[in-house]
């Protein structure tokens, strides 16, 4: 069975919509006027990261354009994460500012993270 084929398995589309609404509710998203949150399912985490990264970049670009500022140098600040963020940065012309972990510290240094952020940081 191919649950991705929504015409063959329309119940999978209904489940997708329910899941999107549940996630929107968990993240306290504003209630949509039509009752249906905007979102989609993905096959894997890399696809989800790419879509999320595109949304961050477009939201940043819209904000910068409204302020009359240039939109040619977006950056993304992250720790040593999944390789898909390297691909996202390359595919979408985003500077990746990766903050390395230190020996014995299994999390990104918050001070270094904040220092890496500027008005061109999309996320």
PDB file of N, CA and C in Angstrom:
ATOM      1  N   UNK A   1       0.839  -1.186   0.000  1.00  0.00           N
ATOM      2  CA  UNK A   1       0.000   0.000   0.000  1.00  0.00           C
ATOM      3  C   UNK A   1       0.876   1.239   0.000  1.00  0.00           C
ATOM      4  N   UNK A   2       0.416   2.265  -0.708  1.00  0.00           N
ATOM      5  CA  UNK A   2       1.128   3.532  -0.772  1.00  0.00           C
ATOM      6  C   UNK A   2       0.261   4.607  -0.121  1.00  0.00           C
ATOM      7  N   UNK A   3       0.478   4.814   1.166  1.00  0.00           N
ATOM      8  CA  UNK A   3      -0.343   5.771   1.919  1.00  0.00           C
ATOM      9  C   UNK A   3      -0.112   7.213   1.454  1.00  0.00           C
ATOM     10  N   UNK A   4       0.935   7.449   0.676  1.00  0.00           N
ATOM     11  CA  UNK A   4       1.222   8.787   0.168  1.00  0.00           C
ATOM     12  C   UNK A   4       0.202   9.190  -0.897  1.00  0.00           C
ATOM     13  N   UNK A   5      -0.361   8.222  -1.599  1.00  0.00           N
ATOM     14  CA  UNK A   5      -1.349   8.503  -2.641  1.00  0.00           C
ATOM     15  C   UNK A   5      -2.674   8.876  -1.981  1.00  0.00           C
ATOM     16  N   UNK A   6      -2.917  10.160  -1.851  1.00  0.00           N
ATOM     17  CA  UNK A   6      -4.084  10.647  -1.117  1.00  0.00           C
ATOM     18  C   UNK A   6      -5.398  10.432  -1.871  1.00  0.00           C
ATOM     19  N   UNK A   7      -5.323  10.244  -3.184  1.00  0.00           N
ATOM     20  CA  UNK A   7      -6.542   9.938  -3.924  1.00  0.00           C
ATOM     21  C   UNK A   7      -6.958   8.490  -3.684  1.00  0.00           C
ATOM     22  N   UNK A   8      -5.977   7.619  -3.591  1.00  0.00           N
ATOM     23  CA  UNK A   8      -6.259   6.205  -3.327  1.00  0.00           C
ATOM     24  C   UNK A   8      -6.643   5.984  -1.864  1.00  0.00           C
ATOM     25  N   UNK A   9      -6.027   6.757  -0.974  1.00  0.00           N
ATOM     26  CA  UNK A   9      -6.263   6.614   0.465  1.00  0.00           C
ATOM     27  C   UNK A   9      -6.620   7.976   1.061  1.00  0.00           C
ATOM     28  N   UNK A  10      -7.836   8.471   0.807  1.00  0.00           N
ATOM     29  CA  UNK A  10      -8.215   9.806   1.283  1.00  0.00           C
ATOM     30  C   UNK A  10      -8.171   9.936   2.803  1.00  0.00           C
ATOM     31  N   UNK A  11      -8.289   8.835   3.512  1.00  0.00           N
ATOM     32  CA  UNK A  11      -8.213   8.908   4.969  1.00  0.00           C
ATOM     33  C   UNK A  11      -6.835   9.376   5.433  1.00  0.00           C
ATOM     34  N   UNK A  12      -5.796   9.133   4.619  1.00  0.00           N
ATOM     35  CA  UNK A  12      -4.458   9.603   4.998  1.00  0.00           C
ATOM     36  C   UNK A  12      -4.396  11.131   4.947  1.00  0.00           C
ATOM     37  N   UNK A  13      -5.122  11.753   4.015  1.00  0.00           N
ATOM     38  CA  UNK A  13      -5.172  13.219   3.950  1.00  0.00           C
ATOM     39  C   UNK A  13      -5.879  13.779   5.177  1.00  0.00           C
ATOM     40  N   UNK A  14      -6.938  13.121   5.607  1.00  0.00           N
ATOM     41  CA  UNK A  14      -7.659  13.573   6.805  1.00  0.00           C
ATOM     42  C   UNK A  14      -6.775  13.457   8.043  1.00  0.00           C
ATOM     43  N   UNK A  15      -6.017  12.381   8.127  1.00  0.00           N
ATOM     44  CA  UNK A  15      -5.094  12.203   9.257  1.00  0.00           C
ATOM     45  C   UNK A  15      -4.020  13.289   9.228  1.00  0.00           C
ATOM     46  N   UNK A  16      -3.501  13.603   8.043  1.00  0.00           N
ATOM     47  CA  UNK A  16      -2.506  14.678   7.907  1.00  0.00           C
ATOM     48  C   UNK A  16      -3.045  15.984   8.473  1.00  0.00           C
ATOM     49  N   UNK A  17      -4.266  16.351   8.077  1.00  0.00           N
ATOM     50  CA  UNK A  17      -4.857  17.608   8.541  1.00  0.00           C
ATOM     51  C   UNK A  17      -5.035  17.614  10.057  1.00  0.00           C
ATOM     52  N   UNK A  18      -5.460  16.487  10.606  1.00  0.00           N
ATOM     53  CA  UNK A  18      -5.610  16.405  12.066  1.00  0.00           C
ATOM     54  C   UNK A  18      -4.266  16.577  12.755  1.00  0.00           C
ATOM     55  N   UNK A  19      -3.230  15.953  12.218  1.00  0.00           N
ATOM     56  CA  UNK A  19      -1.890  16.075  12.812  1.00  0.00           C
ATOM     57  C   UNK A  19      -1.372  17.508  12.724  1.00  0.00           C
ATOM     58  N   UNK A  20      -1.583  18.164  11.585  1.00  0.00           N
ATOM     59  CA  UNK A  20      -1.154  19.563  11.433  1.00  0.00           C
ATOM     60  C   UNK A  20      -1.842  20.426  12.487  1.00  0.00           C
ATOM     61  N   UNK A  21      -3.140  20.221  12.689  1.00  0.00           N
ATOM     62  CA  UNK A  21      -3.866  20.993  13.703  1.00  0.00           C
ATOM     63  C   UNK A  21      -3.353  20.705  15.109  1.00  0.00           C
ATOM     64  N   UNK A  22      -3.032  19.450  15.395  1.00  0.00           N
ATOM     65  CA  UNK A  22      -2.505  19.107  16.723  1.00  0.00           C
ATOM     66  C   UNK A  22      -1.158  19.778  16.976  1.00  0.00           C
ATOM     67  N   UNK A  23      -0.278  19.744  15.982  1.00  0.00           N
ATOM     68  CA  UNK A  23       1.038  20.376  16.140  1.00  0.00           C
ATOM     69  C   UNK A  23       0.880  21.887  16.293  1.00  0.00           C
ATOM     70  N   UNK A  24       0.006  22.484  15.500  1.00  0.00           N
ATOM     71  CA  UNK A  24      -0.240  23.931  15.620  1.00  0.00           C
ATOM     72  C   UNK A  24      -0.736  24.270  17.019  1.00  0.00           C
ATOM     73  N   UNK A  25      -1.610  23.442  17.556  1.00  0.00           N
ATOM     74  CA  UNK A  25      -2.123  23.669  18.906  1.00  0.00           C
ATOM     75  C   UNK A  25      -1.011  23.526  19.946  1.00  0.00           C
ATOM     76  N   UNK A  26      -0.163  22.516  19.788  1.00  0.00           N
ATOM     77  CA  UNK A  26       0.950  22.320  20.728  1.00  0.00           C
ATOM     78  C   UNK A  26       1.909  23.503  20.728  1.00  0.00           C
ATOM     79  N   UNK A  27       2.091  24.129  19.561  1.00  0.00           N
ATOM     80  CA  UNK A  27       3.003  25.272  19.432  1.00  0.00           C
ATOM     81  C   UNK A  27       2.287  26.603  19.651  1.00  0.00           C
ATOM     82  N   UNK A  28       1.037  26.546  20.068  1.00  0.00           N
ATOM     83  CA  UNK A  28       0.248  27.756  20.357  1.00  0.00           C
ATOM     84  C   UNK A  28       0.168  28.688  19.153  1.00  0.00           C
ATOM     85  N   UNK A  29      -0.008  28.111  17.980  1.00  0.00           N
ATOM     86  CA  UNK A  29      -0.151  28.915  16.761  1.00  0.00           C
ATOM     87  C   UNK A  29      -1.479  29.668  16.814  1.00  0.00           C
ATOM     88  N   UNK A  30      -1.532  30.859  16.224  1.00  0.00           N
ATOM     89  CA  UNK A  30      -2.810  31.590  16.191  1.00  0.00           C
ATOM     90  C   UNK A  30      -3.883  30.741  15.512  1.00  0.00           C
ATOM     91  N   UNK A  31      -5.093  30.836  16.017  1.00  0.00           N
ATOM     92  CA  UNK A  31      -6.190  30.059  15.445  1.00  0.00           C
ATOM     93  C   UNK A  31      -6.507  30.567  14.043  1.00  0.00           C
ATOM     94  N   UNK A  32      -6.507  29.680  13.058  1.00  0.00           N
ATOM     95  CA  UNK A  32      -6.824  30.109  11.695  1.00  0.00           C
ATOM     96  C   UNK A  32      -8.311  30.438  11.564  1.00  0.00           C
ATOM     97  N   UNK A  33      -8.628  31.337  10.646  1.00  0.00           N
ATOM     98  CA  UNK A  33     -10.016  31.762  10.456  1.00  0.00           C
ATOM     99  C   UNK A  33     -10.907  30.620   9.990  1.00  0.00           C
ATOM    100  N   UNK A  34     -10.363  29.750   9.159  1.00  0.00           N
ATOM    101  CA  UNK A  34     -11.173  28.652   8.626  1.00  0.00           C
ATOM    102  C   UNK A  34     -11.105  27.395   9.493  1.00  0.00           C
ATOM    103  N   UNK A  35     -10.389  27.458  10.600  1.00  0.00           N
ATOM    104  CA  UNK A  35     -10.290  26.313  11.496  1.00  0.00           C
ATOM    105  C   UNK A  35      -9.214  25.313  11.128  1.00  0.00           C
ATOM    106  N   UNK A  36      -8.552  25.496   9.990  1.00  0.00           N
ATOM    107  CA  UNK A  36      -7.518  24.568   9.547  1.00  0.00           C
ATOM    108  C   UNK A  36      -6.159  25.252   9.555  1.00  0.00           C
ATOM    109  N   UNK A  37      -5.260  24.757  10.390  1.00  0.00           N
ATOM    110  CA  UNK A  37      -3.899  25.290  10.431  1.00  0.00           C
ATOM    111  C   UNK A  37      -3.187  24.984   9.119  1.00  0.00           C
ATOM    112  N   UNK A  38      -2.189  25.781   8.803  1.00  0.00           N
ATOM    113  CA  UNK A  38      -1.419  25.586   7.580  1.00  0.00           C
ATOM    114  C   UNK A  38      -0.217  24.716   7.894  1.00  0.00           C
ATOM    115  N   UNK A  39      -0.007  23.690   7.111  1.00  0.00           N
ATOM    116  CA  UNK A  39       1.137  22.813   7.318  1.00  0.00           C
ATOM    117  C   UNK A  39       1.066  21.626   6.383  1.00  0.00           C
ATOM    118  N   UNK A  40       2.044  20.768   6.505  1.00  0.00           N
ATOM    119  CA  UNK A  40       2.083  19.581   5.657  1.00  0.00           C
ATOM    120  C   UNK A  40       2.841  18.474   6.380  1.00  0.00           C
ATOM    121  N   UNK A  41       2.661  17.268   5.909  1.00  0.00           N
ATOM    122  CA  UNK A  41       3.473  16.180   6.434  1.00  0.00           C
ATOM    123  C   UNK A  41       4.697  16.017   5.545  1.00  0.00           C
ATOM    124  N   UNK A  42       5.690  15.335   6.044  1.00  0.00           N
ATOM    125  CA  UNK A  42       6.885  15.054   5.249  1.00  0.00           C
ATOM    126  C   UNK A  42       7.250  13.590   5.426  1.00  0.00           C
ATOM    127  N   UNK A  43       8.028  13.103   4.497  1.00  0.00           N
ATOM    128  CA  UNK A  43       8.447  11.707   4.546  1.00  0.00           C
ATOM    129  C   UNK A  43       9.576  11.517   5.551  1.00  0.00           C
ATOM    130  N   UNK A  44      10.429  12.513   5.687  1.00  0.00           N
ATOM    131  CA  UNK A  44      11.556  12.377   6.600  1.00  0.00           C
ATOM    132  C   UNK A  44      11.963  13.705   7.199  1.00  0.00           C
ATOM    133  N   UNK A  45      12.906  13.637   8.128  1.00  0.00           N
ATOM    134  CA  UNK A  45      13.327  14.841   8.839  1.00  0.00           C
ATOM    135  C   UNK A  45      14.079  15.816   7.942  1.00  0.00           C
ATOM    136  N   UNK A  46      14.829  15.332   6.973  1.00  0.00           N
ATOM    137  CA  UNK A  46      15.547  16.245   6.078  1.00  0.00           C
ATOM    138  C   UNK A  46      14.573  17.099   5.281  1.00  0.00           C
ATOM    139  N   UNK A  47      13.529  16.481   4.784  1.00  0.00           N
ATOM    140  CA  UNK A  47      12.506  17.224   4.049  1.00  0.00           C
ATOM    141  C   UNK A  47      11.840  18.250   4.962  1.00  0.00           C
ATOM    142  N   UNK A  48      11.547  17.861   6.182  1.00  0.00           N
ATOM    143  CA  UNK A  48      10.933  18.786   7.139  1.00  0.00           C
ATOM    144  C   UNK A  48      11.859  19.961   7.430  1.00  0.00           C
ATOM    145  N   UNK A  49      13.152  19.690   7.594  1.00  0.00           N
ATOM    146  CA  UNK A  49      14.121  20.766   7.841  1.00  0.00           C
ATOM    147  C   UNK A  49      14.190  21.718   6.659  1.00  0.00           C
ATOM    148  N   UNK A  50      14.200  21.190   5.444  1.00  0.00           N
ATOM    149  CA  UNK A  50      14.248  22.046   4.258  1.00  0.00           C
ATOM    150  C   UNK A  50      13.027  22.962   4.197  1.00  0.00           C
ATOM    151  N   UNK A  51      11.849  22.413   4.436  1.00  0.00           N
ATOM    152  CA  UNK A  51      10.638  23.230   4.404  1.00  0.00           C
ATOM    153  C   UNK A  51      10.649  24.273   5.518  1.00  0.00           C
ATOM    154  N   UNK A  52      11.079  23.867   6.709  1.00  0.00           N
ATOM    155  CA  UNK A  52      11.170  24.816   7.818  1.00  0.00           C
ATOM    156  C   UNK A  52      12.181  25.910   7.540  1.00  0.00           C
ATOM    157  N   UNK A  53      13.318  25.540   6.969  1.00  0.00           N
ATOM    158  CA  UNK A  53      14.344  26.522   6.625  1.00  0.00           C
ATOM    159  C   UNK A  53      13.857  27.504   5.580  1.00  0.00           C
ATOM    160  N   UNK A  54      13.128  27.003   4.578  1.00  0.00           N
ATOM    161  CA  UNK A  54      12.575  27.897   3.559  1.00  0.00           C
ATOM    162  C   UNK A  54      11.591  28.879   4.190  1.00  0.00           C
ATOM    163  N   UNK A  55      10.758  28.388   5.094  1.00  0.00           N
ATOM    164  CA  UNK A  55       9.797  29.272   5.762  1.00  0.00           C
ATOM    165  C   UNK A  55      10.523  30.341   6.579  1.00  0.00           C
ATOM    166  N   UNK A  56      11.597  29.948   7.281  1.00  0.00           N
ATOM    167  CA  UNK A  56      12.366  30.933   8.055  1.00  0.00           C
ATOM    168  C   UNK A  56      12.975  31.983   7.139  1.00  0.00           C
ATOM    169  N   UNK A  57      13.549  31.530   6.024  1.00  0.00           N
ATOM    170  CA  UNK A  57      14.187  32.482   5.101  1.00  0.00           C
ATOM    171  C   UNK A  57      13.166  33.439   4.504  1.00  0.00           C
ATOM    172  N   UNK A  58      12.026  32.930   4.078  1.00  0.00           N
ATOM    173  CA  UNK A  58      11.015  33.788   3.460  1.00  0.00           C
ATOM    174  C   UNK A  58      10.436  34.781   4.466  1.00  0.00           C
ATOM    175  N   UNK A  59      10.235  34.325   5.698  1.00  0.00           N
ATOM    176  CA  UNK A  59       9.720  35.240   6.728  1.00  0.00           C
ATOM    177  C   UNK A  59      10.741  36.342   7.005  1.00  0.00           C
ATOM    178  N   UNK A  60      12.013  35.985   7.111  1.00  0.00           N
ATOM    179  CA  UNK A  60      13.089  36.959   7.325  1.00  0.00           C
ATOM    180  C   UNK A  60      13.139  37.943   6.155  1.00  0.00           C
ATOM    181  N   UNK A  61      13.078  37.418   4.929  1.00  0.00           N
ATOM    182  CA  UNK A  61      13.152  38.271   3.743  1.00  0.00           C
ATOM    183  C   UNK A  61      12.000  39.275   3.707  1.00  0.00           C
ATOM    184  N   UNK A  62      10.812  38.813   4.034  1.00  0.00           N
ATOM    185  CA  UNK A  62       9.647  39.704   4.056  1.00  0.00           C
ATOM    186  C   UNK A  62       9.842  40.821   5.085  1.00  0.00           C
ATOM    187  N   UNK A  63      10.345  40.483   6.261  1.00  0.00           N
ATOM    188  CA  UNK A  63      10.597  41.471   7.318  1.00  0.00           C
ATOM    189  C   UNK A  63      11.658  42.477   6.878  1.00  0.00           C
ATOM    190  N   UNK A  64      12.725  41.992   6.250  1.00  0.00           N
ATOM    191  CA  UNK A  64      13.801  42.881   5.806  1.00  0.00           C
ATOM    192  C   UNK A  64      13.323  43.803   4.681  1.00  0.00           C
ATOM    193  N   UNK A  65      12.559  43.272   3.736  1.00  0.00           N
ATOM    194  CA  UNK A  65      12.038  44.100   2.644  1.00  0.00           C
ATOM    195  C   UNK A  65      11.126  45.196   3.182  1.00  0.00           C
ATOM    196  N   UNK A  66      10.290  44.852   4.168  1.00  0.00           N
ATOM    197  CA  UNK A  66       9.392  45.849   4.765  1.00  0.00           C
ATOM    198  C   UNK A  66      10.178  46.963   5.444  1.00  0.00           C
ATOM    199  N   UNK A  67      11.366  46.627   5.955  1.00  0.00           N
ATOM    200  CA  UNK A  67      12.220  47.619   6.618  1.00  0.00           C
ATOM    201  C   UNK A  67      13.138  48.333   5.629  1.00  0.00           C
ATOM    202  N   UNK A  68      13.064  47.959   4.346  1.00  0.00           N
ATOM    203  CA  UNK A  68      13.911  48.577   3.329  1.00  0.00           C
ATOM    204  C   UNK A  68      15.369  48.173   3.432  1.00  0.00           C
ATOM    205  N   UNK A  69      15.622  46.981   3.970  1.00  0.00           N
ATOM    206  CA  UNK A  69      16.998  46.507   4.161  1.00  0.00           C
ATOM    207  C   UNK A  69      17.335  45.427   3.138  1.00  0.00           C
ATOM    208  N   UNK A  70      18.627  45.221   2.875  1.00  0.00           N
ATOM    209  CA  UNK A  70      19.030  44.194   1.899  1.00  0.00           C
ATOM    210  C   UNK A  70      18.686  42.782   2.374  1.00  0.00           C
ATOM    211  N   UNK A  71      18.454  41.921   1.399  1.00  0.00           N
ATOM    212  CA  UNK A  71      18.071  40.538   1.708  1.00  0.00           C
ATOM    213  C   UNK A  71      19.032  39.528   1.091  1.00  0.00           C
ATOM    214  N   UNK A  72      20.271  39.950   0.856  1.00  0.00           N
ATOM    215  CA  UNK A  72      21.203  39.081   0.141  1.00  0.00           C
ATOM    216  C   UNK A  72      22.162  38.303   1.032  1.00  0.00           C
ATOM    217  N   UNK A  73      22.102  38.471   2.350  1.00  0.00           N
ATOM    218  CA  UNK A  73      23.061  37.786   3.216  1.00  0.00           C
ATOM    219  C   UNK A  73      22.400  37.131   4.434  1.00  0.00           C
ATOM    220  N   UNK A  74      21.442  36.219   4.229  1.00  0.00           N
ATOM    221  CA  UNK A  74      20.839  35.543   5.375  1.00  0.00           C
ATOM    222  C   UNK A  74      21.820  34.565   6.013  1.00  0.00           C
ATOM    223  N   UNK A  75      21.647  34.332   7.307  1.00  0.00           N
ATOM    224  CA  UNK A  75      22.472  33.326   7.979  1.00  0.00           C
ATOM    225  C   UNK A  75      21.614  32.507   8.927  1.00  0.00           C
ATOM    226  N   UNK A  76      22.105  31.333   9.243  1.00  0.00           N
ATOM    227  CA  UNK A  76      21.440  30.414  10.158  1.00  0.00           C
ATOM    228  C   UNK A  76      22.451  30.002  11.213  1.00  0.00           C
ATOM    229  N   UNK A  77      22.106  30.194  12.478  1.00  0.00           N
ATOM    230  CA  UNK A  77      22.988  29.831  13.586  1.00  0.00           C
ATOM    231  C   UNK A  77      22.514  28.494  14.147  1.00  0.00           C
ATOM    232  N   UNK A  78      23.446  27.548  14.267  1.00  0.00           N
ATOM    233  CA  UNK A  78      23.085  26.233  14.797  1.00  0.00           C
ATOM    234  C   UNK A  78      24.308  25.561  15.404  1.00  0.00           C
ATOM    235  N   UNK A  79      24.073  24.487  16.084  1.00  0.00           N
ATOM    236  CA  UNK A  79      25.153  23.660  16.598  1.00  0.00           C
ATOM    237  C   UNK A  79      25.526  22.623  15.551  1.00  0.00           C
ATOM    238  N   UNK A  80      26.399  21.695  15.902  1.00  0.00           N
ATOM    239  CA  UNK A  80      26.769  20.627  14.963  1.00  0.00           C
ATOM    240  C   UNK A  80      25.588  19.665  14.810  1.00  0.00           C
ATOM    241  N   UNK A  81      24.789  19.942  13.813  1.00  0.00           N
ATOM    242  CA  UNK A  81      23.504  19.274  13.664  1.00  0.00           C
ATOM    243  C   UNK A  81      23.469  18.396  12.428  1.00  0.00           C
ATOM    244  N   UNK A  82      22.291  17.920  12.141  1.00  0.00           N
ATOM    245  CA  UNK A  82      22.074  17.039  11.001  1.00  0.00           C
ATOM    246  C   UNK A  82      22.632  17.661   9.712  1.00  0.00           C
ATOM    247  N   UNK A  83      23.191  16.850   8.888  1.00  0.00           N
ATOM    248  CA  UNK A  83      23.848  17.297   7.658  1.00  0.00           C
ATOM    249  C   UNK A  83      22.897  18.046   6.730  1.00  0.00           C
ATOM    250  N   UNK A  84      21.612  17.825   6.871  1.00  0.00           N
ATOM    251  CA  UNK A  84      20.672  18.502   5.969  1.00  0.00           C
ATOM    252  C   UNK A  84      20.746  20.018   6.110  1.00  0.00           C
ATOM    253  N   UNK A  85      21.180  20.542   7.265  1.00  0.00           N
ATOM    254  CA  UNK A  85      21.293  22.004   7.405  1.00  0.00           C
ATOM    255  C   UNK A  85      22.451  22.538   6.570  1.00  0.00           C
ATOM    256  N   UNK A  86      23.496  21.750   6.403  1.00  0.00           N
ATOM    257  CA  UNK A  86      24.582  22.145   5.501  1.00  0.00           C
ATOM    258  C   UNK A  86      24.053  22.197   4.062  1.00  0.00           C
ATOM    259  N   UNK A  87      23.253  21.206   3.710  1.00  0.00           N
ATOM    260  CA  UNK A  87      22.666  21.184   2.368  1.00  0.00           C
ATOM    261  C   UNK A  87      21.705  22.352   2.189  1.00  0.00           C
ATOM    262  N   UNK A  88      20.863  22.599   3.188  1.00  0.00           N
ATOM    263  CA  UNK A  88      19.933  23.722   3.105  1.00  0.00           C
ATOM    264  C   UNK A  88      20.689  25.026   2.856  1.00  0.00           C
ATOM    265  N   UNK A  89      21.738  25.255   3.630  1.00  0.00           N
ATOM    266  CA  UNK A  89      22.515  26.496   3.496  1.00  0.00           C
ATOM    267  C   UNK A  89      23.097  26.625   2.088  1.00  0.00           C
ATOM    268  N   UNK A  90      23.604  25.522   1.549  1.00  0.00           N
ATOM    269  CA  UNK A  90      24.186  25.547   0.207  1.00  0.00           C
ATOM    270  C   UNK A  90      23.107  25.758  -0.857  1.00  0.00           C
ATOM    271  N   UNK A  91      22.007  25.026  -0.767  1.00  0.00           N
ATOM    272  CA  UNK A  91      20.956  25.102  -1.783  1.00  0.00           C
ATOM    273  C   UNK A  91      20.261  26.459  -1.799  1.00  0.00           C
ATOM    274  N   UNK A  92      20.096  27.073  -0.621  1.00  0.00           N
ATOM    275  CA  UNK A  92      19.292  28.290  -0.498  1.00  0.00           C
ATOM    276  C   UNK A  92      20.131  29.538  -0.229  1.00  0.00           C
ATOM    277  N   UNK A  93      21.434  29.461  -0.450  1.00  0.00           N
ATOM    278  CA  UNK A  93      22.328  30.622  -0.292  1.00  0.00           C
ATOM    279  C   UNK A  93      22.187  31.273   1.080  1.00  0.00           C
ATOM    280  N   UNK A  94      22.356  30.466   2.100  1.00  0.00           N
ATOM    281  CA  UNK A  94      22.295  30.936   3.485  1.00  0.00           C
ATOM    282  C   UNK A  94      23.637  30.623   4.140  1.00  0.00           C
ATOM    283  N   UNK A  95      24.221  31.608   4.799  1.00  0.00           N
ATOM    284  CA  UNK A  95      25.475  31.375   5.523  1.00  0.00           C
ATOM    285  C   UNK A  95      25.171  30.547   6.771  1.00  0.00           C
ATOM    286  N   UNK A  96      25.857  29.423   6.920  1.00  0.00           N
ATOM    287  CA  UNK A  96      25.680  28.577   8.097  1.00  0.00           C
ATOM    288  C   UNK A  96      26.724  28.960   9.137  1.00  0.00           C
ATOM    289  N   UNK A  97      26.269  29.392  10.293  1.00  0.00           N
ATOM    290  CA  UNK A  97      27.162  29.740  11.394  1.00  0.00           C
ATOM    291  C   UNK A  97      27.027  28.653  12.454  1.00  0.00           C
ATOM    292  N   UNK A  98      27.889  27.667  12.330  1.00  0.00           N
ATOM    293  CA  UNK A  98      27.820  26.510  13.219  1.00  0.00           C
ATOM    294  C   UNK A  98      28.648  26.769  14.472  1.00  0.00           C
ATOM    295  N   UNK A  99      28.023  26.642  15.627  1.00  0.00           N
ATOM    296  CA  UNK A  99      28.687  26.835  16.909  1.00  0.00           C
ATOM    297  C   UNK A  99      29.096  25.457  17.432  1.00  0.00           C
ATOM    298  N   UNK A 100      30.398  25.186  17.498  1.00  0.00           N
ATOM    299  CA  UNK A 100      30.828  23.853  17.943  1.00  0.00           C
ATOM    300  C   UNK A 100      30.606  23.653  19.441  1.00  0.00           C
ATOM    301  N   UNK A 101      30.447  22.399  19.812  1.00  0.00           N
ATOM    302  CA  UNK A 101      30.376  22.064  21.231  1.00  0.00           C
ATOM    303  C   UNK A 101      31.795  21.991  21.776  1.00  0.00           C
ATOM    304  N   UNK A 102      31.910  22.128  23.070  1.00  0.00           N
ATOM    305  CA  UNK A 102      33.209  22.019  23.726  1.00  0.00           C
ATOM    306  C   UNK A 102      33.320  20.646  24.379  1.00  0.00           C
ATOM    307  N   UNK A 103      34.543  20.166  24.593  1.00  0.00           N
ATOM    308  CA  UNK A 103      34.705  18.875  25.272  1.00  0.00           C
ATOM    309  C   UNK A 103      33.995  18.880  26.628  1.00  0.00           C
ATOM    310  N   UNK A 104      33.235  17.838  26.869  1.00  0.00           N
ATOM    311  CA  UNK A 104      32.517  17.707  28.132  1.00  0.00           C
ATOM    312  C   UNK A 104      31.237  18.524  28.202  1.00  0.00           C
ATOM    313  N   UNK A 105      30.890  19.217  27.139  1.00  0.00           N
ATOM    314  CA  UNK A 105      29.678  20.044  27.111  1.00  0.00           C
ATOM    315  C   UNK A 105      28.837  19.582  25.928  1.00  0.00           C
ATOM    316  N   UNK A 106      27.712  18.971  26.207  1.00  0.00           N
ATOM    317  CA  UNK A 106      26.903  18.369  25.152  1.00  0.00           C
ATOM    318  C   UNK A 106      25.789  19.295  24.666  1.00  0.00           C
ATOM    319  N   UNK A 107      26.046  20.595  24.708  1.00  0.00           N
ATOM    320  CA  UNK A 107      25.074  21.555  24.206  1.00  0.00           C
ATOM    321  C   UNK A 107      25.810  22.764  23.655  1.00  0.00           C
ATOM    322  N   UNK A 108      25.102  23.529  22.846  1.00  0.00           N
ATOM    323  CA  UNK A 108      25.694  24.714  22.242  1.00  0.00           C
ATOM    324  C   UNK A 108      25.870  25.793  23.314  1.00  0.00           C
ATOM    325  N   UNK A 109      26.995  26.489  23.277  1.00  0.00           N
ATOM    326  CA  UNK A 109      27.282  27.565  24.226  1.00  0.00           C
ATOM    327  C   UNK A 109      26.340  28.740  23.942  1.00  0.00           C
ATOM    328  N   UNK A 110      25.424  29.055  24.860  1.00  0.00           N
ATOM    329  CA  UNK A 110      24.455  30.128  24.609  1.00  0.00           C
ATOM    330  C   UNK A 110      25.103  31.484  24.325  1.00  0.00           C
ATOM    331  N   UNK A 111      26.199  31.794  24.998  1.00  0.00           N
ATOM    332  CA  UNK A 111      26.861  33.082  24.781  1.00  0.00           C
ATOM    333  C   UNK A 111      27.395  33.173  23.351  1.00  0.00           C
ATOM    334  N   UNK A 112      28.051  32.112  22.896  1.00  0.00           N
ATOM    335  CA  UNK A 112      28.583  32.096  21.525  1.00  0.00           C
ATOM    336  C   UNK A 112      27.455  32.111  20.494  1.00  0.00           C
ATOM    337  N   UNK A 113      26.351  31.474  20.842  1.00  0.00           N
ATOM    338  CA  UNK A 113      25.208  31.463  19.940  1.00  0.00           C
ATOM    339  C   UNK A 113      24.666  32.885  19.767  1.00  0.00           C
ATOM    340  N   UNK A 114      24.468  33.589  20.862  1.00  0.00           N
ATOM    341  CA  UNK A 114      23.944  34.959  20.801  1.00  0.00           C
ATOM    342  C   UNK A 114      24.900  35.868  20.040  1.00  0.00           C
ATOM    343  N   UNK A 115      26.197  35.695  20.266  1.00  0.00           N
ATOM    344  CA  UNK A 115      27.194  36.514  19.566  1.00  0.00           C
ATOM    345  C   UNK A 115      27.160  36.292  18.055  1.00  0.00           C
ATOM    346  N   UNK A 116      26.754  35.105  17.632  1.00  0.00           N
ATOM    347  CA  UNK A 116      26.719  34.782  16.200  1.00  0.00           C
ATOM    348  C   UNK A 116      25.479  35.342  15.498  1.00  0.00           C
ATOM    349  N   UNK A 117      24.488  35.767  16.268  1.00  0.00           N
ATOM    350  CA  UNK A 117      23.242  36.272  15.691  1.00  0.00           C
ATOM    351  C   UNK A 117      23.347  37.754  15.342  1.00  0.00           C
ATOM    352  N   UNK A 118      22.695  38.129  14.258  1.00  0.00           N
ATOM    353  CA  UNK A 118      22.574  39.533  13.881  1.00  0.00           C
ATOM    354  C   UNK A 118      21.243  39.713  13.151  1.00  0.00           C
ATOM    355  N   UNK A 119      21.021  40.877  12.549  1.00  0.00           N
ATOM    356  CA  UNK A 119      19.728  41.122  11.914  1.00  0.00           C
ATOM    357  C   UNK A 119      19.495  40.244  10.686  1.00  0.00           C
ATOM    358  N   UNK A 120      20.531  39.594  10.196  1.00  0.00           N
ATOM    359  CA  UNK A 120      20.393  38.702   9.048  1.00  0.00           C
ATOM    360  C   UNK A 120      20.191  37.246   9.447  1.00  0.00           C
ATOM    361  N   UNK A 121      20.080  36.981  10.734  1.00  0.00           N
ATOM    362  CA  UNK A 121      19.876  35.614  11.214  1.00  0.00           C
ATOM    363  C   UNK A 121      18.422  35.215  10.995  1.00  0.00           C
ATOM    364  N   UNK A 122      18.231  34.151  10.244  1.00  0.00           N
ATOM    365  CA  UNK A 122      16.868  33.684   9.960  1.00  0.00           C
ATOM    366  C   UNK A 122      16.375  32.725  11.036  1.00  0.00           C
ATOM    367  N   UNK A 123      17.292  32.106  11.744  1.00  0.00           N
ATOM    368  CA  UNK A 123      16.902  31.170  12.792  1.00  0.00           C
ATOM    369  C   UNK A 123      18.101  30.595  13.479  1.00  0.00           C
TER     370      UNK A 123
END
